[in-house]
Amino acid sequence: MPGMLRKSTFRMIGTAVGALAAVVLTAVFPQDRSAFLFTIVAWASACTFLSTLLRNFAAYAAILAGYTLIIVVSTSIAAPDQAATGRTLRRTPSLPATLGRSPIRPPRVL
């Protein structure tokens, strides 16, 4: 698999995991702000630690999962019902870029 396609795949995985974690945390802690913030810090710390154990694009996906959660929940702290919308807006730009890449290239015209 070419390097750019591999990186895009790991980018999509990291973004999806972080966005899913954001929605789950928002659903689990709807009224307890201090536990919500503590869990965000614990998630980001766990993702950072995991990235030190992994290599290359897998480490990139772990870091991406950590800060995607922070980006999505930062918009949902004031309005928890908007967590799913933030997740969708965060993931939308990376999905077509990943799916649009193909290992099969069209023939070049000289």
C-alpha atoms as a PDB file:
ATOM      1  CA  MET A   1       0.000   0.000   0.000  1.00  0.00           C
ATOM      2  CA  PRO A   2       1.491   3.378  -0.925  1.00  0.00           C
ATOM      3  CA  GLY A   3       2.555   5.629   1.939  1.00  0.00           C
ATOM      4  CA  MET A   4       0.019   8.366   1.296  1.00  0.00           C
ATOM      5  CA  LEU A   5      -2.872   5.904   1.167  1.00  0.00           C
ATOM      6  CA  ARG A   6      -1.662   4.264   4.379  1.00  0.00           C
ATOM      7  CA  LYS A   7      -1.401   7.626   6.140  1.00  0.00           C
ATOM      8  CA  SER A   8      -4.874   8.612   4.960  1.00  0.00           C
ATOM      9  CA  THR A   9      -6.294   5.329   6.218  1.00  0.00           C
ATOM     10  CA  PHE A  10      -4.751   5.813   9.645  1.00  0.00           C
ATOM     11  CA  ARG A  11      -5.955   9.424   9.630  1.00  0.00           C
ATOM     12  CA  MET A  12      -9.514   8.251   9.018  1.00  0.00           C
ATOM     13  CA  ILE A  13      -9.227   5.593  11.747  1.00  0.00           C
ATOM     14  CA  GLY A  14      -7.815   8.050  14.309  1.00  0.00           C
ATOM     15  CA  THR A  15     -10.437  10.653  13.514  1.00  0.00           C
ATOM     16  CA  ALA A  16     -13.273   8.121  13.718  1.00  0.00           C
ATOM     17  CA  VAL A  17     -12.051   6.726  17.047  1.00  0.00           C
ATOM     18  CA  GLY A  18     -11.650  10.197  18.543  1.00  0.00           C
ATOM     19  CA  ALA A  19     -15.042  11.340  17.283  1.00  0.00           C
ATOM     20  CA  LEU A  20     -16.741   8.216  18.578  1.00  0.00           C
ATOM     21  CA  ALA A  21     -15.068   8.658  21.962  1.00  0.00           C
ATOM     22  CA  ALA A  22     -16.285  12.273  22.056  1.00  0.00           C
ATOM     23  CA  VAL A  23     -19.888  11.240  21.476  1.00  0.00           C
ATOM     24  CA  VAL A  24     -19.647   8.457  24.069  1.00  0.00           C
ATOM     25  CA  LEU A  25     -18.117  10.754  26.702  1.00  0.00           C
ATOM     26  CA  THR A  26     -20.731  13.405  26.030  1.00  0.00           C
ATOM     27  CA  ALA A  27     -23.467  10.799  26.505  1.00  0.00           C
ATOM     28  CA  VAL A  28     -21.925   9.285  29.647  1.00  0.00           C
ATOM     29  CA  PHE A  29     -21.306  12.589  31.455  1.00  0.00           C
ATOM     30  CA  PRO A  30     -24.175  14.891  30.437  1.00  0.00           C
ATOM     31  CA  GLN A  31     -24.400  16.741  33.783  1.00  0.00           C
ATOM     32  CA  ASP A  32     -21.073  16.086  35.535  1.00  0.00           C
ATOM     33  CA  ARG A  33     -18.656  18.624  34.088  1.00  0.00           C
ATOM     34  CA  SER A  34     -15.688  17.837  36.353  1.00  0.00           C
ATOM     35  CA  ALA A  35     -15.792  14.099  35.577  1.00  0.00           C
ATOM     36  CA  PHE A  36     -16.247  14.964  31.906  1.00  0.00           C
ATOM     37  CA  LEU A  37     -13.134  17.158  31.875  1.00  0.00           C
ATOM     38  CA  PHE A  38     -11.124  14.607  33.874  1.00  0.00           C
ATOM     39  CA  THR A  39     -12.074  11.880  31.385  1.00  0.00           C
ATOM     40  CA  ILE A  40     -11.041  14.114  28.467  1.00  0.00           C
ATOM     41  CA  VAL A  41      -7.617  14.610  30.046  1.00  0.00           C
ATOM     42  CA  ALA A  42      -7.328  10.875  30.772  1.00  0.00           C
ATOM     43  CA  TRP A  43      -8.229  10.041  27.146  1.00  0.00           C
ATOM     44  CA  ALA A  44      -5.713  12.508  25.734  1.00  0.00           C
ATOM     45  CA  SER A  45      -3.037  11.190  28.095  1.00  0.00           C
ATOM     46  CA  ALA A  46      -3.786   7.576  27.164  1.00  0.00           C
ATOM     47  CA  CYS A  47      -3.621   8.411  23.452  1.00  0.00           C
ATOM     48  CA  THR A  48      -0.312  10.207  23.932  1.00  0.00           C
ATOM     49  CA  PHE A  49       1.119   7.273  25.878  1.00  0.00           C
ATOM     50  CA  LEU A  50      -0.130   4.827  23.248  1.00  0.00           C
ATOM     51  CA  SER A  51       1.512   6.857  20.511  1.00  0.00           C
ATOM     52  CA  THR A  52       4.893   6.414  22.219  1.00  0.00           C
ATOM     53  CA  LEU A  53       4.439   2.644  22.041  1.00  0.00           C
ATOM     54  CA  LEU A  54       3.371   2.580  18.389  1.00  0.00           C
ATOM     55  CA  ARG A  55       5.352   3.517  15.304  1.00  0.00           C
ATOM     56  CA  ASN A  56       4.835   5.592  12.170  1.00  0.00           C
ATOM     57  CA  PHE A  57       1.246   6.125  11.032  1.00  0.00           C
ATOM     58  CA  ALA A  58      -0.265   4.091  13.886  1.00  0.00           C
ATOM     59  CA  ALA A  59       1.305   6.549  16.347  1.00  0.00           C
ATOM     60  CA  TYR A  60      -0.118   9.383  14.258  1.00  0.00           C
ATOM     61  CA  ALA A  61      -3.590   7.815  14.480  1.00  0.00           C
ATOM     62  CA  ALA A  62      -3.318   7.556  18.271  1.00  0.00           C
ATOM     63  CA  ILE A  63      -2.403  11.234  18.629  1.00  0.00           C
ATOM     64  CA  LEU A  64      -5.139  12.170  16.172  1.00  0.00           C
ATOM     65  CA  ALA A  65      -7.720  10.265  18.240  1.00  0.00           C
ATOM     66  CA  GLY A  66      -6.638  12.261  21.286  1.00  0.00           C
ATOM     67  CA  TYR A  67      -6.887  15.712  19.834  1.00  0.00           C
ATOM     68  CA  THR A  68      -9.964  14.952  17.731  1.00  0.00           C
ATOM     69  CA  LEU A  69     -11.790  14.226  20.965  1.00  0.00           C
ATOM     70  CA  ILE A  70     -10.636  17.564  22.366  1.00  0.00           C
ATOM     71  CA  ILE A  71     -11.710  19.458  19.233  1.00  0.00           C
ATOM     72  CA  VAL A  72     -15.153  17.836  19.147  1.00  0.00           C
ATOM     73  CA  VAL A  73     -15.916  18.183  22.859  1.00  0.00           C
ATOM     74  CA  SER A  74     -14.629  21.742  23.045  1.00  0.00           C
ATOM     75  CA  THR A  75     -17.584  22.731  20.925  1.00  0.00           C
ATOM     76  CA  SER A  76     -19.985  20.505  22.859  1.00  0.00           C
ATOM     77  CA  ILE A  77     -19.206  21.643  26.420  1.00  0.00           C
ATOM     78  CA  ALA A  78     -21.621  24.537  26.125  1.00  0.00           C
ATOM     79  CA  ALA A  79     -24.130  22.580  23.982  1.00  0.00           C
ATOM     80  CA  PRO A  80     -23.888  18.809  24.563  1.00  0.00           C
ATOM     81  CA  ASP A  81     -26.606  18.069  22.021  1.00  0.00           C
ATOM     82  CA  GLN A  82     -24.252  19.312  19.276  1.00  0.00           C
ATOM     83  CA  ALA A  83     -21.566  16.627  19.826  1.00  0.00           C
ATOM     84  CA  ALA A  84     -22.730  14.501  16.894  1.00  0.00           C
ATOM     85  CA  THR A  85     -22.745  17.531  14.588  1.00  0.00           C
ATOM     86  CA  GLY A  86     -19.201  18.452  15.614  1.00  0.00           C
ATOM     87  CA  ARG A  87     -18.091  14.895  15.008  1.00  0.00           C
ATOM     88  CA  THR A  88     -19.584  14.893  11.532  1.00  0.00           C
ATOM     89  CA  LEU A  89     -18.044  18.249  10.620  1.00  0.00           C
ATOM     90  CA  ARG A  90     -14.636  17.130  11.859  1.00  0.00           C
ATOM     91  CA  ARG A  91     -14.655  13.853   9.942  1.00  0.00           C
ATOM     92  CA  THR A  92     -16.190  15.071   6.675  1.00  0.00           C
ATOM     93  CA  PRO A  93     -13.059  16.639   5.076  1.00  0.00           C
ATOM     94  CA  SER A  94     -10.835  13.609   5.668  1.00  0.00           C
ATOM     95  CA  LEU A  95     -13.250  10.981   4.360  1.00  0.00           C
ATOM     96  CA  PRO A  96     -13.375  11.986   0.654  1.00  0.00           C
ATOM     97  CA  ALA A  97      -9.627  12.519   0.643  1.00  0.00           C
ATOM     98  CA  THR A  98      -9.083   8.988   1.875  1.00  0.00           C
ATOM     99  CA  LEU A  99     -11.697   7.320  -0.271  1.00  0.00           C
ATOM    100  CA  GLY A 100     -10.658   9.292  -3.342  1.00  0.00           C
ATOM    101  CA  ARG A 101      -7.151   7.859  -3.319  1.00  0.00           C
ATOM    102  CA  SER A 102      -6.775   4.620  -5.142  1.00  0.00           C
ATOM    103  CA  PRO A 103      -3.773   2.372  -5.700  1.00  0.00           C
ATOM    104  CA  ILE A 104      -4.929   2.043  -9.331  1.00  0.00           C
ATOM    105  CA  ARG A 105      -3.755   5.005 -11.360  1.00  0.00           C
ATOM    106  CA  PRO A 106      -5.226   6.050 -14.715  1.00  0.00           C
ATOM    107  CA  PRO A 107      -2.847   5.818 -17.655  1.00  0.00           C
ATOM    108  CA  ARG A 108      -0.775   8.909 -18.305  1.00  0.00           C
ATOM    109  CA  VAL A 109      -1.237  10.680 -21.582  1.00  0.00           C
ATOM    110  CA  LEU A 110       1.968  12.080 -23.040  1.00  0.00           C
END
